[in-house]
Amino acid sequence: MSETSTKPYFMRAIYEWCTDNGFTPYLAVKVFGGAKVPMEFVRNGEIVLNISFGATSGLKMGNDAVTFNARFGGVSREIYVPVANVQAVYASENGQGMAFELDSTTSTDGETLDTPAPTRPSLGLAAIGSKVETEDKVVPAVSVDGSQKKFEKPTLKIIK
């Protein structure tokens, strides 16, 4: 039996965190394959969707896809987004959330994706990917007075 991906669980957790804190959860989606979204709002193969309670009807965030109904230009549309297409879930107010690598370079229809080189997420987004980046670059640490201290590897500081 194959292991279930952690991606849909992280997506649901960030959605719940957004709603618990009064933020508006947004879903950044790469449109390819089985994604069913209003194409007139797609820019550069991507769309950002407001998935808040007030903007959607019947939101279901399953392990395979996110489905809901929403109004676009006053017209109700049925939205279907495979989990593989989700690039990020974040709060619109502060940009905090989580970014994901796309699951593969080929869609479920066999369509080849033109995915750009991996980029680091903007501040406030935690990146989740299947590849482990190992950068052993050593950077000098600088003290308050401007003199150099010992050389240290870069570290990640979590700010709450």
N, C-alpha and C. Protein backbone atom coordinates (compact mmCIF):
# COMPACT_ATOMS: atom_id res chain seq x y z
N MET A 1 0.84 -1.18 0.00
CA MET A 1 0.00 0.00 0.00
C MET A 1 0.89 1.24 0.00
N SER A 2 0.58 2.18 -0.90
CA SER A 2 1.41 3.38 -1.00
C SER A 2 1.04 4.38 0.10
N GLU A 3 2.02 5.17 0.46
CA GLU A 3 1.84 6.15 1.52
C GLU A 3 1.08 7.37 0.99
N THR A 4 0.16 7.89 1.78
CA THR A 4 -0.62 9.06 1.41
C THR A 4 0.24 10.31 1.51
N SER A 5 0.08 11.22 0.56
CA SER A 5 0.84 12.47 0.56
C SER A 5 0.45 13.33 1.75
N THR A 6 1.41 14.08 2.27
CA THR A 6 1.14 15.00 3.38
C THR A 6 0.56 16.33 2.88
N LYS A 7 0.66 16.59 1.59
CA LYS A 7 0.25 17.88 1.03
C LYS A 7 -1.21 18.25 1.36
N PRO A 8 -2.21 17.37 1.15
CA PRO A 8 -3.58 17.79 1.46
C PRO A 8 -3.79 18.04 2.95
N TYR A 9 -3.04 17.39 3.81
CA TYR A 9 -3.16 17.60 5.24
C TYR A 9 -2.62 18.98 5.63
N PHE A 10 -1.49 19.35 5.02
CA PHE A 10 -0.94 20.69 5.26
C PHE A 10 -1.88 21.76 4.72
N MET A 11 -2.48 21.50 3.56
CA MET A 11 -3.43 22.46 2.97
C MET A 11 -4.60 22.70 3.91
N ARG A 12 -5.17 21.63 4.44
CA ARG A 12 -6.31 21.76 5.37
C ARG A 12 -5.89 22.47 6.65
N ALA A 13 -4.69 22.19 7.13
CA ALA A 13 -4.21 22.83 8.36
C ALA A 13 -4.05 24.33 8.17
N ILE A 14 -3.47 24.76 7.07
CA ILE A 14 -3.30 26.20 6.82
C ILE A 14 -4.66 26.86 6.63
N TYR A 15 -5.58 26.20 5.94
CA TYR A 15 -6.94 26.73 5.78
C TYR A 15 -7.59 26.94 7.15
N GLU A 16 -7.48 25.95 8.02
CA GLU A 16 -8.08 26.05 9.36
C GLU A 16 -7.40 27.15 10.18
N TRP A 17 -6.08 27.25 10.07
CA TRP A 17 -5.37 28.32 10.78
C TRP A 17 -5.85 29.70 10.31
N CYS A 18 -6.01 29.86 9.00
CA CYS A 18 -6.50 31.13 8.46
C CYS A 18 -7.88 31.48 9.01
N THR A 19 -8.79 30.53 8.97
CA THR A 19 -10.16 30.81 9.43
C THR A 19 -10.20 31.04 10.94
N ASP A 20 -9.42 30.30 11.70
CA ASP A 20 -9.37 30.49 13.16
C ASP A 20 -8.87 31.88 13.54
N ASN A 21 -8.01 32.46 12.71
CA ASN A 21 -7.41 33.76 13.01
C ASN A 21 -8.09 34.91 12.27
N GLY A 22 -9.20 34.63 11.60
CA GLY A 22 -9.94 35.68 10.91
C GLY A 22 -9.31 36.14 9.61
N PHE A 23 -8.40 35.33 9.04
CA PHE A 23 -7.76 35.67 7.78
C PHE A 23 -8.53 35.06 6.61
N THR A 24 -8.28 35.56 5.41
CA THR A 24 -8.91 35.05 4.20
C THR A 24 -7.97 34.06 3.53
N PRO A 25 -8.33 32.77 3.49
CA PRO A 25 -7.44 31.78 2.87
C PRO A 25 -7.51 31.85 1.35
N TYR A 26 -6.35 31.87 0.70
CA TYR A 26 -6.24 31.88 -0.75
C TYR A 26 -5.51 30.61 -1.18
N LEU A 27 -5.86 30.15 -2.37
CA LEU A 27 -5.26 28.96 -2.96
C LEU A 27 -4.61 29.38 -4.28
N ALA A 28 -3.29 29.22 -4.39
CA ALA A 28 -2.58 29.51 -5.64
C ALA A 28 -2.49 28.20 -6.42
N VAL A 29 -2.97 28.23 -7.68
CA VAL A 29 -3.12 27.01 -8.46
C VAL A 29 -2.41 27.16 -9.81
N LYS A 30 -1.68 26.13 -10.21
CA LYS A 30 -1.12 26.02 -11.56
C LYS A 30 -2.18 25.29 -12.38
N VAL A 31 -2.66 25.93 -13.43
CA VAL A 31 -3.76 25.37 -14.21
C VAL A 31 -3.22 24.47 -15.32
N PHE A 32 -3.45 23.17 -15.17
CA PHE A 32 -3.12 22.17 -16.18
C PHE A 32 -3.93 20.93 -15.88
N GLY A 33 -3.92 19.99 -16.80
CA GLY A 33 -4.56 18.70 -16.57
C GLY A 33 -6.04 18.81 -16.25
N GLY A 34 -6.44 18.22 -15.14
CA GLY A 34 -7.85 18.13 -14.78
C GLY A 34 -8.42 19.33 -14.05
N ALA A 35 -7.67 20.41 -13.91
CA ALA A 35 -8.17 21.59 -13.20
C ALA A 35 -9.35 22.20 -13.95
N LYS A 36 -10.42 22.47 -13.21
CA LYS A 36 -11.61 23.09 -13.80
C LYS A 36 -11.83 24.42 -13.09
N VAL A 37 -11.36 25.49 -13.72
CA VAL A 37 -11.44 26.84 -13.17
C VAL A 37 -11.89 27.78 -14.30
N PRO A 38 -12.40 28.98 -13.97
CA PRO A 38 -12.77 29.92 -15.03
C PRO A 38 -11.52 30.43 -15.76
N MET A 39 -11.35 30.02 -16.99
CA MET A 39 -10.13 30.32 -17.76
C MET A 39 -9.93 31.81 -18.02
N GLU A 40 -10.99 32.61 -18.00
CA GLU A 40 -10.83 34.04 -18.24
C GLU A 40 -10.10 34.75 -17.11
N PHE A 41 -9.93 34.08 -15.96
CA PHE A 41 -9.21 34.66 -14.83
C PHE A 41 -7.81 34.06 -14.66
N VAL A 42 -7.42 33.17 -15.56
CA VAL A 42 -6.11 32.53 -15.50
C VAL A 42 -5.08 33.46 -16.13
N ARG A 43 -3.97 33.69 -15.43
CA ARG A 43 -2.88 34.52 -15.92
C ARG A 43 -1.58 33.72 -15.84
N ASN A 44 -0.90 33.62 -16.97
CA ASN A 44 0.37 32.89 -17.04
C ASN A 44 0.23 31.46 -16.53
N GLY A 45 -0.89 30.83 -16.81
CA GLY A 45 -1.11 29.45 -16.40
C GLY A 45 -1.41 29.26 -14.94
N GLU A 46 -1.70 30.36 -14.22
CA GLU A 46 -1.97 30.29 -12.79
C GLU A 46 -3.22 31.08 -12.44
N ILE A 47 -3.84 30.70 -11.34
CA ILE A 47 -4.99 31.42 -10.81
C ILE A 47 -4.92 31.39 -9.29
N VAL A 48 -5.36 32.47 -8.67
CA VAL A 48 -5.43 32.53 -7.21
C VAL A 48 -6.90 32.58 -6.84
N LEU A 49 -7.32 31.66 -5.97
CA LEU A 49 -8.73 31.52 -5.60
C LEU A 49 -8.95 31.83 -4.12
N ASN A 50 -9.96 32.63 -3.85
CA ASN A 50 -10.38 32.90 -2.47
C ASN A 50 -11.21 31.70 -2.04
N ILE A 51 -10.76 30.98 -1.01
CA ILE A 51 -11.49 29.79 -0.57
C ILE A 51 -12.10 29.99 0.82
N SER A 52 -12.39 31.25 1.15
CA SER A 52 -13.01 31.53 2.45
C SER A 52 -14.45 31.03 2.47
N PHE A 53 -15.00 30.90 3.67
CA PHE A 53 -16.36 30.43 3.85
C PHE A 53 -17.36 31.32 3.10
N GLY A 54 -17.17 32.62 3.15
CA GLY A 54 -18.08 33.56 2.50
C GLY A 54 -17.98 33.58 0.98
N ALA A 55 -16.86 33.13 0.43
CA ALA A 55 -16.65 33.17 -1.02
C ALA A 55 -16.99 31.85 -1.71
N THR A 56 -17.13 30.78 -0.93
CA THR A 56 -17.37 29.47 -1.53
C THR A 56 -18.64 28.83 -0.98
N SER A 57 -19.08 27.84 -1.70
CA SER A 57 -20.21 27.02 -1.26
C SER A 57 -19.83 25.57 -1.45
N GLY A 58 -20.00 24.77 -0.41
CA GLY A 58 -19.70 23.34 -0.52
C GLY A 58 -18.23 23.02 -0.65
N LEU A 59 -17.37 23.79 0.01
CA LEU A 59 -15.93 23.55 -0.06
C LEU A 59 -15.59 22.18 0.52
N LYS A 60 -14.86 21.40 -0.27
CA LYS A 60 -14.37 20.10 0.19
C LYS A 60 -12.90 20.00 -0.19
N MET A 61 -12.06 19.86 0.83
CA MET A 61 -10.63 19.71 0.61
C MET A 61 -10.26 18.26 0.88
N GLY A 62 -10.35 17.45 -0.14
CA GLY A 62 -10.06 16.03 -0.01
C GLY A 62 -8.59 15.73 -0.24
N ASN A 63 -8.24 14.46 -0.19
CA ASN A 63 -6.85 14.06 -0.40
C ASN A 63 -6.44 14.10 -1.86
N ASP A 64 -7.42 14.09 -2.78
CA ASP A 64 -7.12 14.10 -4.20
C ASP A 64 -7.41 15.43 -4.88
N ALA A 65 -8.42 16.16 -4.38
CA ALA A 65 -8.82 17.40 -5.04
C ALA A 65 -9.52 18.35 -4.08
N VAL A 66 -9.55 19.63 -4.48
CA VAL A 66 -10.31 20.66 -3.78
C VAL A 66 -11.48 21.01 -4.69
N THR A 67 -12.70 20.91 -4.17
CA THR A 67 -13.88 21.22 -4.96
C THR A 67 -14.76 22.20 -4.21
N PHE A 68 -15.41 23.09 -4.96
CA PHE A 68 -16.35 24.05 -4.38
C PHE A 68 -17.06 24.79 -5.49
N ASN A 69 -18.09 25.52 -5.13
CA ASN A 69 -18.79 26.42 -6.04
C ASN A 69 -18.47 27.84 -5.61
N ALA A 70 -18.30 28.74 -6.58
CA ALA A 70 -18.01 30.14 -6.28
C ALA A 70 -18.56 31.00 -7.42
N ARG A 71 -18.76 32.26 -7.11
CA ARG A 71 -19.25 33.20 -8.12
C ARG A 71 -18.07 33.98 -8.71
N PHE A 72 -18.08 34.05 -10.03
CA PHE A 72 -17.10 34.83 -10.77
C PHE A 72 -17.88 35.75 -11.70
N GLY A 73 -17.80 37.05 -11.46
CA GLY A 73 -18.57 38.00 -12.25
C GLY A 73 -20.06 37.78 -12.12
N GLY A 74 -20.51 37.32 -10.94
CA GLY A 74 -21.93 37.09 -10.69
C GLY A 74 -22.46 35.76 -11.19
N VAL A 75 -21.61 34.96 -11.82
CA VAL A 75 -22.02 33.66 -12.36
C VAL A 75 -21.44 32.55 -11.49
N SER A 76 -22.31 31.65 -11.00
CA SER A 76 -21.85 30.54 -10.17
C SER A 76 -21.09 29.53 -11.02
N ARG A 77 -19.91 29.12 -10.54
CA ARG A 77 -19.08 28.15 -11.26
C ARG A 77 -18.70 27.02 -10.32
N GLU A 78 -18.58 25.85 -10.89
CA GLU A 78 -18.10 24.69 -10.14
C GLU A 78 -16.59 24.59 -10.35
N ILE A 79 -15.84 24.59 -9.26
CA ILE A 79 -14.38 24.58 -9.31
C ILE A 79 -13.87 23.21 -8.88
N TYR A 80 -12.90 22.69 -9.63
CA TYR A 80 -12.25 21.42 -9.31
C TYR A 80 -10.75 21.61 -9.50
N VAL A 81 -10.00 21.44 -8.43
CA VAL A 81 -8.54 21.60 -8.47
C VAL A 81 -7.89 20.35 -7.90
N PRO A 82 -7.18 19.57 -8.72
CA PRO A 82 -6.43 18.44 -8.17
C PRO A 82 -5.37 18.94 -7.19
N VAL A 83 -5.14 18.20 -6.14
CA VAL A 83 -4.14 18.58 -5.13
C VAL A 83 -2.78 18.77 -5.78
N ALA A 84 -2.48 18.00 -6.82
CA ALA A 84 -1.19 18.12 -7.51
C ALA A 84 -0.98 19.50 -8.12
N ASN A 85 -2.06 20.24 -8.40
CA ASN A 85 -1.97 21.55 -9.03
C ASN A 85 -1.78 22.69 -8.03
N VAL A 86 -1.96 22.43 -6.75
CA VAL A 86 -1.89 23.48 -5.74
C VAL A 86 -0.44 23.89 -5.50
N GLN A 87 -0.18 25.21 -5.66
CA GLN A 87 1.16 25.73 -5.44
C GLN A 87 1.33 26.30 -4.04
N ALA A 88 0.24 26.85 -3.47
CA ALA A 88 0.34 27.45 -2.14
C ALA A 88 -1.04 27.65 -1.53
N VAL A 89 -1.08 27.67 -0.21
CA VAL A 89 -2.26 28.06 0.57
C VAL A 89 -1.75 29.11 1.54
N TYR A 90 -2.39 30.29 1.55
CA TYR A 90 -1.88 31.37 2.39
C TYR A 90 -2.98 32.35 2.77
N ALA A 91 -2.70 33.16 3.77
CA ALA A 91 -3.62 34.21 4.22
C ALA A 91 -3.38 35.45 3.37
N SER A 92 -4.44 36.01 2.80
CA SER A 92 -4.27 37.17 1.93
C SER A 92 -3.82 38.41 2.71
N GLU A 93 -4.17 38.50 3.97
CA GLU A 93 -3.87 39.69 4.77
C GLU A 93 -2.38 39.86 5.08
N ASN A 94 -1.68 38.75 5.29
CA ASN A 94 -0.27 38.86 5.67
C ASN A 94 0.67 37.98 4.85
N GLY A 95 0.15 37.19 3.94
CA GLY A 95 0.98 36.34 3.09
C GLY A 95 1.53 35.11 3.77
N GLN A 96 1.19 34.87 5.03
CA GLN A 96 1.70 33.69 5.72
C GLN A 96 0.93 32.46 5.28
N GLY A 97 1.64 31.37 5.12
CA GLY A 97 1.02 30.14 4.68
C GLY A 97 2.07 29.13 4.31
N MET A 98 1.80 28.36 3.27
CA MET A 98 2.72 27.31 2.87
C MET A 98 2.73 27.17 1.36
N ALA A 99 3.93 27.10 0.79
CA ALA A 99 4.10 26.89 -0.65
C ALA A 99 4.52 25.44 -0.88
N PHE A 100 4.12 24.90 -2.03
CA PHE A 100 4.41 23.50 -2.35
C PHE A 100 5.07 23.42 -3.72
N GLU A 101 5.90 22.39 -3.90
CA GLU A 101 6.39 22.07 -5.24
C GLU A 101 5.26 21.35 -5.95
N LEU A 102 5.18 21.50 -7.26
CA LEU A 102 4.22 20.71 -8.00
C LEU A 102 4.68 19.26 -7.94
N ASP A 103 3.72 18.33 -7.89
CA ASP A 103 4.04 16.93 -7.67
C ASP A 103 4.86 16.30 -8.78
N SER A 104 4.67 16.75 -10.03
CA SER A 104 5.44 16.17 -11.12
C SER A 104 5.52 17.16 -12.26
N THR A 105 6.27 16.81 -13.28
CA THR A 105 6.39 17.69 -14.43
C THR A 105 5.43 17.32 -15.54
N THR A 106 4.63 16.29 -15.31
CA THR A 106 3.64 15.88 -16.30
C THR A 106 2.28 15.80 -15.64
N SER A 107 1.28 16.37 -16.29
CA SER A 107 -0.07 16.35 -15.74
C SER A 107 -0.69 14.98 -15.90
N THR A 108 -1.89 14.79 -15.35
CA THR A 108 -2.57 13.51 -15.45
C THR A 108 -3.00 13.19 -16.87
N ASP A 109 -3.07 14.21 -17.75
CA ASP A 109 -3.45 14.00 -19.15
C ASP A 109 -2.23 13.77 -20.03
N GLY A 110 -1.04 13.68 -19.43
CA GLY A 110 0.17 13.50 -20.20
C GLY A 110 0.73 14.81 -20.74
N GLU A 111 0.14 15.93 -20.38
CA GLU A 111 0.58 17.25 -20.82
C GLU A 111 1.86 17.62 -20.07
N THR A 112 2.88 18.06 -20.79
CA THR A 112 4.13 18.46 -20.16
C THR A 112 3.99 19.86 -19.63
N LEU A 113 4.44 20.05 -18.41
CA LEU A 113 4.35 21.36 -17.77
C LEU A 113 5.61 22.16 -18.04
N ASP A 114 5.44 23.45 -18.22
CA ASP A 114 6.57 24.35 -18.33
C ASP A 114 6.77 24.98 -16.97
N THR A 115 7.36 24.22 -16.07
CA THR A 115 7.56 24.74 -14.73
C THR A 115 8.87 25.48 -14.67
N PRO A 116 8.86 26.69 -14.10
CA PRO A 116 10.09 27.44 -13.99
C PRO A 116 11.01 26.81 -12.97
N ALA A 117 12.23 27.27 -12.96
CA ALA A 117 13.18 26.78 -11.96
C ALA A 117 12.62 27.06 -10.58
N PRO A 118 12.87 26.16 -9.63
CA PRO A 118 12.33 26.37 -8.29
C PRO A 118 12.77 27.71 -7.72
N THR A 119 11.84 28.40 -7.12
CA THR A 119 12.14 29.67 -6.49
C THR A 119 11.85 29.57 -5.01
N ARG A 120 12.50 30.40 -4.26
CA ARG A 120 12.25 30.42 -2.83
C ARG A 120 10.96 31.19 -2.59
N PRO A 121 10.13 30.75 -1.64
CA PRO A 121 8.88 31.46 -1.37
C PRO A 121 9.16 32.82 -0.76
N SER A 122 8.18 33.72 -0.90
CA SER A 122 8.32 35.04 -0.29
C SER A 122 8.23 34.91 1.22
N LEU A 123 8.58 35.96 1.93
CA LEU A 123 8.54 35.93 3.38
C LEU A 123 7.16 35.50 3.87
N GLY A 124 7.12 34.72 4.90
CA GLY A 124 5.86 34.29 5.48
C GLY A 124 5.38 32.95 4.95
N LEU A 125 5.99 32.42 3.88
CA LEU A 125 5.58 31.13 3.35
C LEU A 125 6.65 30.09 3.65
N ALA A 126 6.21 28.95 4.13
CA ALA A 126 7.12 27.84 4.35
C ALA A 126 7.07 26.97 3.11
N ALA A 127 8.19 26.56 2.60
CA ALA A 127 8.23 25.74 1.40
C ALA A 127 8.26 24.27 1.77
N ILE A 128 7.44 23.50 1.09
CA ILE A 128 7.42 22.06 1.29
C ILE A 128 7.72 21.42 -0.05
N GLY A 129 8.69 20.55 -0.09
CA GLY A 129 9.03 19.90 -1.34
C GLY A 129 9.51 18.49 -1.10
N SER A 130 9.64 17.77 -2.20
CA SER A 130 10.09 16.40 -2.09
C SER A 130 11.61 16.30 -2.20
N LYS A 131 12.23 17.35 -2.73
CA LYS A 131 13.67 17.35 -2.88
C LYS A 131 14.30 18.04 -1.68
N VAL A 132 15.41 17.49 -1.24
CA VAL A 132 16.13 18.08 -0.12
C VAL A 132 17.23 18.95 -0.70
N GLU A 133 17.22 20.22 -0.33
CA GLU A 133 18.27 21.13 -0.79
C GLU A 133 19.40 21.09 0.22
N THR A 134 20.60 20.86 -0.28
CA THR A 134 21.75 20.86 0.62
C THR A 134 22.70 21.93 0.14
N GLU A 135 22.67 23.03 0.80
CA GLU A 135 23.59 24.10 0.48
C GLU A 135 24.53 24.25 1.67
N ASP A 136 25.77 23.94 1.44
CA ASP A 136 26.76 24.04 2.51
C ASP A 136 27.56 25.31 2.39
N LYS A 137 26.91 26.37 1.92
CA LYS A 137 27.60 27.65 1.81
C LYS A 137 27.80 28.20 3.21
N VAL A 138 28.96 28.71 3.45
CA VAL A 138 29.28 29.30 4.74
C VAL A 138 29.31 30.81 4.55
N VAL A 139 28.57 31.52 5.38
CA VAL A 139 28.54 32.98 5.28
C VAL A 139 29.07 33.58 6.57
N PRO A 140 29.75 34.69 6.44
CA PRO A 140 30.27 35.30 7.66
C PRO A 140 29.16 35.94 8.46
N ALA A 141 29.20 35.77 9.76
CA ALA A 141 28.26 36.45 10.64
C ALA A 141 28.87 37.78 11.02
N VAL A 142 28.07 38.81 11.06
CA VAL A 142 28.58 40.14 11.36
C VAL A 142 28.01 40.58 12.69
N SER A 143 28.86 41.09 13.56
CA SER A 143 28.40 41.55 14.86
C SER A 143 27.81 42.94 14.73
N VAL A 144 27.26 43.45 15.81
CA VAL A 144 26.59 44.75 15.82
C VAL A 144 27.55 45.87 15.44
N ASP A 145 28.79 45.79 15.85
CA ASP A 145 29.74 46.86 15.56
C ASP A 145 30.33 46.76 14.15
N GLY A 146 29.93 45.77 13.38
CA GLY A 146 30.37 45.64 11.99
C GLY A 146 31.56 44.72 11.80
N SER A 147 32.23 44.31 12.87
CA SER A 147 33.36 43.41 12.73
C SER A 147 32.85 41.99 12.52
N GLN A 148 33.67 41.21 11.84
CA GLN A 148 33.24 39.84 11.56
C GLN A 148 33.48 38.93 12.76
N LYS A 149 32.48 38.06 12.98
CA LYS A 149 32.64 37.01 13.99
C LYS A 149 33.07 35.75 13.26
N LYS A 150 32.83 34.61 13.88
CA LYS A 150 33.17 33.34 13.25
C LYS A 150 32.24 33.09 12.06
N PHE A 151 32.65 32.18 11.18
CA PHE A 151 31.83 31.82 10.03
C PHE A 151 30.77 30.83 10.48
N GLU A 152 29.52 31.05 10.01
CA GLU A 152 28.41 30.18 10.39
C GLU A 152 27.60 29.81 9.17
N LYS A 153 26.96 28.65 9.22
CA LYS A 153 26.02 28.27 8.17
C LYS A 153 24.74 29.07 8.36
N PRO A 154 24.02 29.34 7.26
CA PRO A 154 22.74 30.05 7.40
C PRO A 154 21.75 29.20 8.21
N THR A 155 20.92 29.88 8.97
CA THR A 155 19.92 29.18 9.76
C THR A 155 18.55 29.74 9.48
N LEU A 156 17.54 29.01 9.82
CA LEU A 156 16.16 29.43 9.65
C LEU A 156 15.62 29.86 11.00
N LYS A 157 15.08 31.06 11.08
CA LYS A 157 14.53 31.56 12.31
C LYS A 157 13.02 31.67 12.14
N ILE A 158 12.27 31.02 13.00
CA ILE A 158 10.82 31.05 12.94
C ILE A 158 10.32 32.18 13.82
N ILE A 159 9.56 33.07 13.21
CA ILE A 159 9.02 34.24 13.92
C ILE A 159 7.54 34.03 14.11
N LYS A 160 7.08 34.13 15.33
CA LYS A 160 5.66 33.94 15.62
C LYS A 160 5.00 35.25 15.89
